[in-house]
Amino acid sequence: VKVGDATLPSTLTFKEQSLDLNGAGIRKK
């Protein structure tokens, strides 16, 4: 998923645990 200048994966895997992208956005100040 393209979010601003970044591309985020739809799945994040950590220690054999797969998590699905719930939502994404940009931190602005």
mmCIF file of all heavy atoms, coordinates in Angstrom:
data_MODEL
# 
_entry.id   MODEL 
# 
loop_
_atom_site.group_PDB 
_atom_site.id 
_atom_site.type_symbol 
_atom_site.label_atom_id 
_atom_site.label_alt_id 
_atom_site.label_comp_id 
_atom_site.label_asym_id 
_atom_site.label_entity_id 
_atom_site.label_seq_id 
_atom_site.pdbx_PDB_ins_code 
_atom_site.Cartn_x 
_atom_site.Cartn_y 
_atom_site.Cartn_z 
_atom_site.occupancy 
_atom_site.B_iso_or_equiv 
_atom_site.pdbx_formal_charge 
_atom_site.auth_seq_id 
_atom_site.auth_comp_id 
_atom_site.auth_asym_id 
_atom_site.auth_atom_id 
_atom_site.pdbx_PDB_model_num 
ATOM 1   N N   . VAL A 1 1  ? 0.852  -1.177  0.000  1.00 0.00 ? 1  VAL A N   1 
ATOM 2   C CA  . VAL A 1 1  ? 0.000  0.000   0.000  1.00 0.00 ? 1  VAL A CA  1 
ATOM 3   C C   . VAL A 1 1  ? 0.891  1.230   0.000  1.00 0.00 ? 1  VAL A C   1 
ATOM 4   O O   . VAL A 1 1  ? 1.790  1.356   0.838  1.00 0.00 ? 1  VAL A O   1 
ATOM 5   C CB  . VAL A 1 1  ? -0.918 0.009   1.254  1.00 0.00 ? 1  VAL A CB  1 
ATOM 6   C CG1 . VAL A 1 1  ? -1.744 1.276   1.313  1.00 0.00 ? 1  VAL A CG1 1 
ATOM 7   C CG2 . VAL A 1 1  ? -1.799 -1.226  1.275  1.00 0.00 ? 1  VAL A CG2 1 
ATOM 8   N N   . LYS A 1 2  ? 0.638  2.139   -0.923 1.00 0.00 ? 2  LYS A N   1 
ATOM 9   C CA  . LYS A 1 2  ? 1.394  3.388   -1.003 1.00 0.00 ? 2  LYS A CA  1 
ATOM 10  C C   . LYS A 1 2  ? 0.762  4.388   -0.035 1.00 0.00 ? 2  LYS A C   1 
ATOM 11  O O   . LYS A 1 2  ? -0.437 4.647   -0.081 1.00 0.00 ? 2  LYS A O   1 
ATOM 12  C CB  . LYS A 1 2  ? 1.357  3.912   -2.442 1.00 0.00 ? 2  LYS A CB  1 
ATOM 13  C CG  . LYS A 1 2  ? 2.185  5.138   -2.660 1.00 0.00 ? 2  LYS A CG  1 
ATOM 14  C CD  . LYS A 1 2  ? 3.611  4.777   -2.940 1.00 0.00 ? 2  LYS A CD  1 
ATOM 15  C CE  . LYS A 1 2  ? 4.356  6.010   -3.410 1.00 0.00 ? 2  LYS A CE  1 
ATOM 16  N NZ  . LYS A 1 2  ? 5.738  6.010   -3.068 1.00 0.00 ? 2  LYS A NZ  1 
ATOM 17  N N   . VAL A 1 3  ? 1.591  4.931   0.869  1.00 0.00 ? 3  VAL A N   1 
ATOM 18  C CA  . VAL A 1 3  ? 1.138  5.901   1.856  1.00 0.00 ? 3  VAL A CA  1 
ATOM 19  C C   . VAL A 1 3  ? 2.126  7.056   1.838  1.00 0.00 ? 3  VAL A C   1 
ATOM 20  O O   . VAL A 1 3  ? 3.233  6.950   2.372  1.00 0.00 ? 3  VAL A O   1 
ATOM 21  C CB  . VAL A 1 3  ? 1.063  5.288   3.277  1.00 0.00 ? 3  VAL A CB  1 
ATOM 22  C CG1 . VAL A 1 3  ? 0.519  6.304   4.267  1.00 0.00 ? 3  VAL A CG1 1 
ATOM 23  C CG2 . VAL A 1 3  ? 0.215  4.036   3.284  1.00 0.00 ? 3  VAL A CG2 1 
ATOM 24  N N   . GLY A 1 4  ? 1.758  8.140   1.186  1.00 0.00 ? 4  GLY A N   1 
ATOM 25  C CA  . GLY A 1 4  ? 2.688  9.253   1.031  1.00 0.00 ? 4  GLY A CA  1 
ATOM 26  C C   . GLY A 1 4  ? 3.904  8.798   0.244  1.00 0.00 ? 4  GLY A C   1 
ATOM 27  O O   . GLY A 1 4  ? 3.777  8.207   -0.821 1.00 0.00 ? 4  GLY A O   1 
ATOM 28  N N   . ASP A 1 5  ? 5.088  9.043   0.805  1.00 0.00 ? 5  ASP A N   1 
ATOM 29  C CA  . ASP A 1 5  ? 6.336  8.654   0.147  1.00 0.00 ? 5  ASP A CA  1 
ATOM 30  C C   . ASP A 1 5  ? 6.788  7.238   0.506  1.00 0.00 ? 5  ASP A C   1 
ATOM 31  O O   . ASP A 1 5  ? 7.889  6.837   0.142  1.00 0.00 ? 5  ASP A O   1 
ATOM 32  C CB  . ASP A 1 5  ? 7.452  9.641   0.523  1.00 0.00 ? 5  ASP A CB  1 
ATOM 33  C CG  . ASP A 1 5  ? 7.189  11.028  -0.039 1.00 0.00 ? 5  ASP A CG  1 
ATOM 34  O OD1 . ASP A 1 5  ? 6.481  11.134  -1.057 1.00 0.00 ? 5  ASP A OD1 1 
ATOM 35  O OD2 . ASP A 1 5  ? 7.685  12.003  0.547  1.00 0.00 ? 5  ASP A OD2 1 
ATOM 36  N N   . ALA A 1 6  ? 5.963  6.512   1.219  1.00 0.00 ? 6  ALA A N   1 
ATOM 37  C CA  . ALA A 1 6  ? 6.342  5.165   1.675  1.00 0.00 ? 6  ALA A CA  1 
ATOM 38  C C   . ALA A 1 6  ? 5.424  4.113   1.064  1.00 0.00 ? 6  ALA A C   1 
ATOM 39  O O   . ALA A 1 6  ? 4.281  4.389   0.716  1.00 0.00 ? 6  ALA A O   1 
ATOM 40  C CB  . ALA A 1 6  ? 6.267  5.086   3.193  1.00 0.00 ? 6  ALA A CB  1 
ATOM 41  N N   . THR A 1 7  ? 5.947  2.914   0.975  1.00 0.00 ? 7  THR A N   1 
ATOM 42  C CA  . THR A 1 7  ? 5.159  1.764   0.567  1.00 0.00 ? 7  THR A CA  1 
ATOM 43  C C   . THR A 1 7  ? 5.164  0.782   1.727  1.00 0.00 ? 7  THR A C   1 
ATOM 44  O O   . THR A 1 7  ? 6.223  0.345   2.174  1.00 0.00 ? 7  THR A O   1 
ATOM 45  C CB  . THR A 1 7  ? 5.755  1.106   -0.699 1.00 0.00 ? 7  THR A CB  1 
ATOM 46  O OG1 . THR A 1 7  ? 5.803  2.095   -1.738 1.00 0.00 ? 7  THR A OG1 1 
ATOM 47  C CG2 . THR A 1 7  ? 4.909  -0.052  -1.154 1.00 0.00 ? 7  THR A CG2 1 
ATOM 48  N N   . LEU A 1 8  ? 3.964  0.485   2.232  1.00 0.00 ? 8  LEU A N   1 
ATOM 49  C CA  . LEU A 1 8  ? 3.828  -0.419  3.373  1.00 0.00 ? 8  LEU A CA  1 
ATOM 50  C C   . LEU A 1 8  ? 3.299  -1.769  2.903  1.00 0.00 ? 8  LEU A C   1 
ATOM 51  O O   . LEU A 1 8  ? 2.444  -1.820  2.024  1.00 0.00 ? 8  LEU A O   1 
ATOM 52  C CB  . LEU A 1 8  ? 2.862  0.171   4.407  1.00 0.00 ? 8  LEU A CB  1 
ATOM 53  C CG  . LEU A 1 8  ? 3.227  1.542   4.975  1.00 0.00 ? 8  LEU A CG  1 
ATOM 54  C CD1 . LEU A 1 8  ? 2.125  2.053   5.895  1.00 0.00 ? 8  LEU A CD1 1 
ATOM 55  C CD2 . LEU A 1 8  ? 4.549  1.487   5.711  1.00 0.00 ? 8  LEU A CD2 1 
ATOM 56  N N   . PRO A 1 9  ? 3.798  -2.846  3.503  1.00 0.00 ? 9  PRO A N   1 
ATOM 57  C CA  . PRO A 1 9  ? 3.289  -4.168  3.116  1.00 0.00 ? 9  PRO A CA  1 
ATOM 58  C C   . PRO A 1 9  ? 1.882  -4.385  3.660  1.00 0.00 ? 9  PRO A C   1 
ATOM 59  O O   . PRO A 1 9  ? 1.502  -3.809  4.665  1.00 0.00 ? 9  PRO A O   1 
ATOM 60  C CB  . PRO A 1 9  ? 4.280  -5.127  3.781  1.00 0.00 ? 9  PRO A CB  1 
ATOM 61  C CG  . PRO A 1 9  ? 4.790  -4.378  4.963  1.00 0.00 ? 9  PRO A CG  1 
ATOM 62  C CD  . PRO A 1 9  ? 4.819  -2.932  4.548  1.00 0.00 ? 9  PRO A CD  1 
ATOM 63  N N   . SER A 1 10 ? 1.088  -5.212  2.953  1.00 0.00 ? 10 SER A N   1 
ATOM 64  C CA  . SER A 1 10 ? -0.250 -5.506  3.470  1.00 0.00 ? 10 SER A CA  1 
ATOM 65  C C   . SER A 1 10 ? -0.208 -6.500  4.622  1.00 0.00 ? 10 SER A C   1 
ATOM 66  O O   . SER A 1 10 ? -1.167 -6.603  5.358  1.00 0.00 ? 10 SER A O   1 
ATOM 67  C CB  . SER A 1 10 ? -1.173 -6.057  2.413  1.00 0.00 ? 10 SER A CB  1 
ATOM 68  O OG  . SER A 1 10 ? -0.698 -6.147  1.186  1.00 0.00 ? 10 SER A OG  1 
ATOM 69  N N   . THR A 1 11 ? 0.913  -7.171  4.783  1.00 0.00 ? 11 THR A N   1 
ATOM 70  C CA  . THR A 1 11 ? 1.087  -8.104  5.896  1.00 0.00 ? 11 THR A CA  1 
ATOM 71  C C   . THR A 1 11 ? 2.444  -7.841  6.556  1.00 0.00 ? 11 THR A C   1 
ATOM 72  O O   . THR A 1 11 ? 3.435  -7.638  5.863  1.00 0.00 ? 11 THR A O   1 
ATOM 73  C CB  . THR A 1 11 ? 1.043  -9.567  5.407  1.00 0.00 ? 11 THR A CB  1 
ATOM 74  O OG1 . THR A 1 11 ? -0.196 -9.789  4.730  1.00 0.00 ? 11 THR A OG1 1 
ATOM 75  C CG2 . THR A 1 11 ? 1.162  -10.538 6.554  1.00 0.00 ? 11 THR A CG2 1 
ATOM 76  N N   . LEU A 1 12 ? 2.439  -7.834  7.870  1.00 0.00 ? 12 LEU A N   1 
ATOM 77  C CA  . LEU A 1 12 ? 3.663  -7.675  8.651  1.00 0.00 ? 12 LEU A CA  1 
ATOM 78  C C   . LEU A 1 12 ? 3.885  -8.984  9.401  1.00 0.00 ? 12 LEU A C   1 
ATOM 79  O O   . LEU A 1 12 ? 2.988  -9.459  10.100 1.00 0.00 ? 12 LEU A O   1 
ATOM 80  C CB  . LEU A 1 12 ? 3.510  -6.515  9.631  1.00 0.00 ? 12 LEU A CB  1 
ATOM 81  C CG  . LEU A 1 12 ? 4.692  -6.165  10.519 1.00 0.00 ? 12 LEU A CG  1 
ATOM 82  C CD1 . LEU A 1 12 ? 5.861  -5.655  9.680  1.00 0.00 ? 12 LEU A CD1 1 
ATOM 83  C CD2 . LEU A 1 12 ? 4.289  -5.098  11.534 1.00 0.00 ? 12 LEU A CD2 1 
ATOM 84  N N   . THR A 1 13 ? 5.049  -9.587  9.215  1.00 0.00 ? 13 THR A N   1 
ATOM 85  C CA  . THR A 1 13 ? 5.348  -10.848 9.889  1.00 0.00 ? 13 THR A CA  1 
ATOM 86  C C   . THR A 1 13 ? 6.487  -10.631 10.869 1.00 0.00 ? 13 THR A C   1 
ATOM 87  O O   . THR A 1 13 ? 7.518  -10.068 10.530 1.00 0.00 ? 13 THR A O   1 
ATOM 88  C CB  . THR A 1 13 ? 5.735  -11.939 8.874  1.00 0.00 ? 13 THR A CB  1 
ATOM 89  O OG1 . THR A 1 13 ? 4.663  -12.085 7.934  1.00 0.00 ? 13 THR A OG1 1 
ATOM 90  C CG2 . THR A 1 13 ? 5.983  -13.267 9.565  1.00 0.00 ? 13 THR A CG2 1 
ATOM 91  N N   . PHE A 1 14 ? 6.253  -11.079 12.099 1.00 0.00 ? 14 PHE A N   1 
ATOM 92  C CA  . PHE A 1 14 ? 7.255  -10.968 13.153 1.00 0.00 ? 14 PHE A CA  1 
ATOM 93  C C   . PHE A 1 14 ? 7.227  -12.259 13.959 1.00 0.00 ? 14 PHE A C   1 
ATOM 94  O O   . PHE A 1 14 ? 6.174  -12.646 14.482 1.00 0.00 ? 14 PHE A O   1 
ATOM 95  C CB  . PHE A 1 14 ? 6.955  -9.763  14.057 1.00 0.00 ? 14 PHE A CB  1 
ATOM 96  C CG  . PHE A 1 14 ? 7.962  -9.557  15.147 1.00 0.00 ? 14 PHE A CG  1 
ATOM 97  C CD1 . PHE A 1 14 ? 9.212  -9.010  14.860 1.00 0.00 ? 14 PHE A CD1 1 
ATOM 98  C CD2 . PHE A 1 14 ? 7.676  -9.913  16.454 1.00 0.00 ? 14 PHE A CD2 1 
ATOM 99  C CE1 . PHE A 1 14 ? 10.142 -8.820  15.860 1.00 0.00 ? 14 PHE A CE1 1 
ATOM 100 C CE2 . PHE A 1 14 ? 8.607  -9.725  17.463 1.00 0.00 ? 14 PHE A CE2 1 
ATOM 101 C CZ  . PHE A 1 14 ? 9.843  -9.176  17.161 1.00 0.00 ? 14 PHE A CZ  1 
ATOM 102 N N   . LYS A 1 15 ? 8.367  -12.951 14.017 1.00 0.00 ? 15 LYS A N   1 
ATOM 103 C CA  . LYS A 1 15 ? 8.476  -14.222 14.751 1.00 0.00 ? 15 LYS A CA  1 
ATOM 104 C C   . LYS A 1 15 ? 7.339  -15.174 14.398 1.00 0.00 ? 15 LYS A C   1 
ATOM 105 O O   . LYS A 1 15 ? 6.627  -15.668 15.276 1.00 0.00 ? 15 LYS A O   1 
ATOM 106 C CB  . LYS A 1 15 ? 8.536  -13.965 16.254 1.00 0.00 ? 15 LYS A CB  1 
ATOM 107 C CG  . LYS A 1 15 ? 9.804  -13.252 16.680 1.00 0.00 ? 15 LYS A CG  1 
ATOM 108 C CD  . LYS A 1 15 ? 9.961  -13.246 18.179 1.00 0.00 ? 15 LYS A CD  1 
ATOM 109 C CE  . LYS A 1 15 ? 11.286 -12.598 18.546 1.00 0.00 ? 15 LYS A CE  1 
ATOM 110 N NZ  . LYS A 1 15 ? 11.529 -12.612 19.964 1.00 0.00 ? 15 LYS A NZ  1 
ATOM 111 N N   . GLU A 1 16 ? 7.142  -15.373 13.121 1.00 0.00 ? 16 GLU A N   1 
ATOM 112 C CA  . GLU A 1 16 ? 6.153  -16.296 12.576 1.00 0.00 ? 16 GLU A CA  1 
ATOM 113 C C   . GLU A 1 16 ? 4.708  -15.869 12.820 1.00 0.00 ? 16 GLU A C   1 
ATOM 114 O O   . GLU A 1 16 ? 3.776  -16.615 12.538 1.00 0.00 ? 16 GLU A O   1 
ATOM 115 C CB  . GLU A 1 16 ? 6.400  -17.724 13.078 1.00 0.00 ? 16 GLU A CB  1 
ATOM 116 C CG  . GLU A 1 16 ? 7.752  -18.263 12.652 1.00 0.00 ? 16 GLU A CG  1 
ATOM 117 C CD  . GLU A 1 16 ? 8.020  -19.662 13.144 1.00 0.00 ? 16 GLU A CD  1 
ATOM 118 O OE1 . GLU A 1 16 ? 7.068  -20.392 13.477 1.00 0.00 ? 16 GLU A OE1 1 
ATOM 119 O OE2 . GLU A 1 16 ? 9.208  -20.035 13.174 1.00 0.00 ? 16 GLU A OE2 1 
ATOM 120 N N   . GLN A 1 17 ? 4.484  -14.677 13.360 1.00 0.00 ? 17 GLN A N   1 
ATOM 121 C CA  . GLN A 1 17 ? 3.129  -14.136 13.543 1.00 0.00 ? 17 GLN A CA  1 
ATOM 122 C C   . GLN A 1 17 ? 2.849  -13.168 12.400 1.00 0.00 ? 17 GLN A C   1 
ATOM 123 O O   . GLN A 1 17 ? 3.568  -12.189 12.232 1.00 0.00 ? 17 GLN A O   1 
ATOM 124 C CB  . GLN A 1 17 ? 3.023  -13.408 14.881 1.00 0.00 ? 17 GLN A CB  1 
ATOM 125 C CG  . GLN A 1 17 ? 1.695  -12.701 15.101 1.00 0.00 ? 17 GLN A CG  1 
ATOM 126 C CD  . GLN A 1 17 ? 0.535  -13.662 15.288 1.00 0.00 ? 17 GLN A CD  1 
ATOM 127 O OE1 . GLN A 1 17 ? 0.588  -14.554 16.126 1.00 0.00 ? 17 GLN A OE1 1 
ATOM 128 N NE2 . GLN A 1 17 ? -0.503 -13.499 14.499 1.00 0.00 ? 17 GLN A NE2 1 
ATOM 129 N N   . SER A 1 18 ? 1.825  -13.457 11.610 1.00 0.00 ? 18 SER A N   1 
ATOM 130 C CA  . SER A 1 18 ? 1.449  -12.571 10.509 1.00 0.00 ? 18 SER A CA  1 
ATOM 131 C C   . SER A 1 18 ? 0.287  -11.688 10.935 1.00 0.00 ? 18 SER A C   1 
ATOM 132 O O   . SER A 1 18 ? -0.705 -12.176 11.478 1.00 0.00 ? 18 SER A O   1 
ATOM 133 C CB  . SER A 1 18 ? 1.037  -13.381 9.281  1.00 0.00 ? 18 SER A CB  1 
ATOM 134 O OG  . SER A 1 18 ? 2.158  -14.002 8.721  1.00 0.00 ? 18 SER A OG  1 
ATOM 135 N N   . LEU A 1 19 ? 0.440  -10.399 10.676 1.00 0.00 ? 19 LEU A N   1 
ATOM 136 C CA  . LEU A 1 19 ? -0.597 -9.416  10.992 1.00 0.00 ? 19 LEU A CA  1 
ATOM 137 C C   . LEU A 1 19 ? -0.971 -8.697  9.704  1.00 0.00 ? 19 LEU A C   1 
ATOM 138 O O   . LEU A 1 19 ? -0.106 -8.394  8.881  1.00 0.00 ? 19 LEU A O   1 
ATOM 139 C CB  . LEU A 1 19 ? -0.076 -8.417  12.019 1.00 0.00 ? 19 LEU A CB  1 
ATOM 140 C CG  . LEU A 1 19 ? 0.384  -9.012  13.353 1.00 0.00 ? 19 LEU A CG  1 
ATOM 141 C CD1 . LEU A 1 19 ? 1.076  -7.947  14.200 1.00 0.00 ? 19 LEU A CD1 1 
ATOM 142 C CD2 . LEU A 1 19 ? -0.800 -9.603  14.109 1.00 0.00 ? 19 LEU A CD2 1 
ATOM 143 N N   . ASP A 1 20 ? -2.257 -8.409  9.539  1.00 0.00 ? 20 ASP A N   1 
ATOM 144 C CA  . ASP A 1 20 ? -2.738 -7.750  8.332  1.00 0.00 ? 20 ASP A CA  1 
ATOM 145 C C   . ASP A 1 20 ? -2.874 -6.250  8.565  1.00 0.00 ? 20 ASP A C   1 
ATOM 146 O O   . ASP A 1 20 ? -3.237 -5.802  9.653  1.00 0.00 ? 20 ASP A O   1 
ATOM 147 C CB  . ASP A 1 20 ? -4.096 -8.322  7.919  1.00 0.00 ? 20 ASP A CB  1 
ATOM 148 C CG  . ASP A 1 20 ? -4.005 -9.773  7.496  1.00 0.00 ? 20 ASP A CG  1 
ATOM 149 O OD1 . ASP A 1 20 ? -3.002 -10.119 6.832  1.00 0.00 ? 20 ASP A OD1 1 
ATOM 150 O OD2 . ASP A 1 20 ? -4.913 -10.556 7.831  1.00 0.00 ? 20 ASP A OD2 1 
ATOM 151 N N   . LEU A 1 21 ? -2.621 -5.502  7.498  1.00 0.00 ? 21 LEU A N   1 
ATOM 152 C CA  . LEU A 1 21 ? -2.743 -4.049  7.557  1.00 0.00 ? 21 LEU A CA  1 
ATOM 153 C C   . LEU A 1 21 ? -4.193 -3.679  7.827  1.00 0.00 ? 21 LEU A C   1 
ATOM 154 O O   . LEU A 1 21 ? -5.091 -4.052  7.084  1.00 0.00 ? 21 LEU A O   1 
ATOM 155 C CB  . LEU A 1 21 ? -2.266 -3.423  6.243  1.00 0.00 ? 21 LEU A CB  1 
ATOM 156 C CG  . LEU A 1 21 ? -2.262 -1.905  6.179  1.00 0.00 ? 21 LEU A CG  1 
ATOM 157 C CD1 . LEU A 1 21 ? -1.265 -1.319  7.174  1.00 0.00 ? 21 LEU A CD1 1 
ATOM 158 C CD2 . LEU A 1 21 ? -1.924 -1.445  4.771  1.00 0.00 ? 21 LEU A CD2 1 
ATOM 159 N N   . ASN A 1 22 ? -4.412 -2.949  8.893  1.00 0.00 ? 22 ASN A N   1 
ATOM 160 C CA  . ASN A 1 22 ? -5.746 -2.490  9.273  1.00 0.00 ? 22 ASN A CA  1 
ATOM 161 C C   . ASN A 1 22 ? -6.045 -1.142  8.625  1.00 0.00 ? 22 ASN A C   1 
ATOM 162 O O   . ASN A 1 22 ? -7.120 -0.906  8.104  1.00 0.00 ? 22 ASN A O   1 
ATOM 163 C CB  . ASN A 1 22 ? -5.841 -2.378  10.795 1.00 0.00 ? 22 ASN A CB  1 
ATOM 164 C CG  . ASN A 1 22 ? -7.245 -2.139  11.277 1.00 0.00 ? 22 ASN A CG  1 
ATOM 165 O OD1 . ASN A 1 22 ? -8.063 -3.041  11.234 1.00 0.00 ? 22 ASN A OD1 1 
ATOM 166 N ND2 . ASN A 1 22 ? -7.537 -0.925  11.718 1.00 0.00 ? 22 ASN A ND2 1 
ATOM 167 N N   . GLY A 1 23 ? -5.076 -0.253  8.660  1.00 0.00 ? 23 GLY A N   1 
ATOM 168 C CA  . GLY A 1 23 ? -5.204 1.081   8.088  1.00 0.00 ? 23 GLY A CA  1 
ATOM 169 C C   . GLY A 1 23 ? -3.840 1.742   8.091  1.00 0.00 ? 23 GLY A C   1 
ATOM 170 O O   . GLY A 1 23 ? -2.922 1.289   8.777  1.00 0.00 ? 23 GLY A O   1 
ATOM 171 N N   . ALA A 1 24 ? -3.718 2.825   7.322  1.00 0.00 ? 24 ALA A N   1 
ATOM 172 C CA  . ALA A 1 24 ? -2.420 3.497   7.222  1.00 0.00 ? 24 ALA A CA  1 
ATOM 173 C C   . ALA A 1 24 ? -2.635 4.990   6.998  1.00 0.00 ? 24 ALA A C   1 
ATOM 174 O O   . ALA A 1 24 ? -3.653 5.407   6.445  1.00 0.00 ? 24 ALA A O   1 
ATOM 175 C CB  . ALA A 1 24 ? -1.607 2.905   6.077  1.00 0.00 ? 24 ALA A CB  1 
ATOM 176 N N   . GLY A 1 25 ? -1.660 5.772   7.454  1.00 0.00 ? 25 GLY A N   1 
ATOM 177 C CA  . GLY A 1 25 ? -1.746 7.211   7.281  1.00 0.00 ? 25 GLY A CA  1 
ATOM 178 C C   . GLY A 1 25 ? -0.399 7.873   7.441  1.00 0.00 ? 25 GLY A C   1 
ATOM 179 O O   . GLY A 1 25 ? 0.624  7.198   7.595  1.00 0.00 ? 25 GLY A O   1 
ATOM 180 N N   . ILE A 1 26 ? -0.426 9.182   7.431  1.00 0.00 ? 26 ILE A N   1 
ATOM 181 C CA  . ILE A 1 26 ? 0.795  9.978   7.512  1.00 0.00 ? 26 ILE A CA  1 
ATOM 182 C C   . ILE A 1 26 ? 0.767  10.824  8.779  1.00 0.00 ? 26 ILE A C   1 
ATOM 183 O O   . ILE A 1 26 ? -0.228 11.485  9.073  1.00 0.00 ? 26 ILE A O   1 
ATOM 184 C CB  . ILE A 1 26 ? 0.919  10.893  6.276  1.00 0.00 ? 26 ILE A CB  1 
ATOM 185 C CG1 . ILE A 1 26 ? 0.978  10.044  5.005  1.00 0.00 ? 26 ILE A CG1 1 
ATOM 186 C CG2 . ILE A 1 26 ? 2.136  11.796  6.386  1.00 0.00 ? 26 ILE A CG2 1 
ATOM 187 C CD1 . ILE A 1 26 ? 0.861  10.848  3.722  1.00 0.00 ? 26 ILE A CD1 1 
ATOM 188 N N   . ARG A 1 27 ? 1.865  10.797  9.518  1.00 0.00 ? 27 ARG A N   1 
ATOM 189 C CA  . ARG A 1 27 ? 2.014  11.658  10.705 1.00 0.00 ? 27 ARG A CA  1 
ATOM 190 C C   . ARG A 1 27 ? 2.518  13.004  10.218 1.00 0.00 ? 27 ARG A C   1 
ATOM 191 O O   . ARG A 1 27 ? 3.593  13.096  9.635  1.00 0.00 ? 27 ARG A O   1 
ATOM 192 C CB  . ARG A 1 27 ? 3.004  11.039  11.697 1.00 0.00 ? 27 ARG A CB  1 
ATOM 193 C CG  . ARG A 1 27 ? 3.435  11.959  12.833 1.00 0.00 ? 27 ARG A CG  1 
ATOM 194 C CD  . ARG A 1 27 ? 2.293  12.302  13.775 1.00 0.00 ? 27 ARG A CD  1 
ATOM 195 N NE  . ARG A 1 27 ? 2.798  12.936  14.976 1.00 0.00 ? 27 ARG A NE  1 
ATOM 196 C CZ  . ARG A 1 27 ? 2.484  14.195  15.331 1.00 0.00 ? 27 ARG A CZ  1 
ATOM 197 N NH1 . ARG A 1 27 ? 1.694  14.932  14.591 1.00 0.00 ? 27 ARG A NH1 1 
ATOM 198 N NH2 . ARG A 1 27 ? 2.975  14.684  16.447 1.00 0.00 ? 27 ARG A NH2 1 
ATOM 199 N N   . LYS A 1 28 ? 1.691  14.009  10.459 1.00 0.00 ? 28 LYS A N   1 
ATOM 200 C CA  . LYS A 1 28 ? 2.036  15.364  10.038 1.00 0.00 ? 28 LYS A CA  1 
ATOM 201 C C   . LYS A 1 28 ? 2.168  16.255  11.260 1.00 0.00 ? 28 LYS A C   1 
ATOM 202 O O   . LYS A 1 28 ? 1.479  16.072  12.254 1.00 0.00 ? 28 LYS A O   1 
ATOM 203 C CB  . LYS A 1 28 ? 0.942  15.940  9.135  1.00 0.00 ? 28 LYS A CB  1 
ATOM 204 C CG  . LYS A 1 28 ? 0.730  15.164  7.861  1.00 0.00 ? 28 LYS A CG  1 
ATOM 205 C CD  . LYS A 1 28 ? -0.457 15.704  7.093  1.00 0.00 ? 28 LYS A CD  1 
ATOM 206 C CE  . LYS A 1 28 ? -0.751 14.833  5.888  1.00 0.00 ? 28 LYS A CE  1 
ATOM 207 N NZ  . LYS A 1 28 ? -1.999 15.195  5.249  1.00 0.00 ? 28 LYS A NZ  1 
ATOM 208 N N   . LYS A 1 29 ? 3.070  17.203  11.163 1.00 0.00 ? 29 LYS A N   1 
ATOM 209 C CA  . LYS A 1 29 ? 3.198  18.222  12.185 1.00 0.00 ? 29 LYS A CA  1 
ATOM 210 C C   . LYS A 1 29 ? 3.391  19.528  11.439 1.00 0.00 ? 29 LYS A C   1 
ATOM 211 O O   . LYS A 1 29 ? 4.316  19.647  10.631 1.00 0.00 ? 29 LYS A O   1 
ATOM 212 C CB  . LYS A 1 29 ? 4.365  17.939  13.116 1.00 0.00 ? 29 LYS A CB  1 
ATOM 213 C CG  . LYS A 1 29 ? 4.351  18.798  14.355 1.00 0.00 ? 29 LYS A CG  1 
ATOM 214 C CD  . LYS A 1 29 ? 5.221  18.224  15.441 1.00 0.00 ? 29 LYS A CD  1 
ATOM 215 C CE  . LYS A 1 29 ? 5.031  19.050  16.697 1.00 0.00 ? 29 LYS A CE  1 
ATOM 216 N NZ  . LYS A 1 29 ? 5.820  18.539  17.773 1.00 0.00 ? 29 LYS A NZ  1 
# 
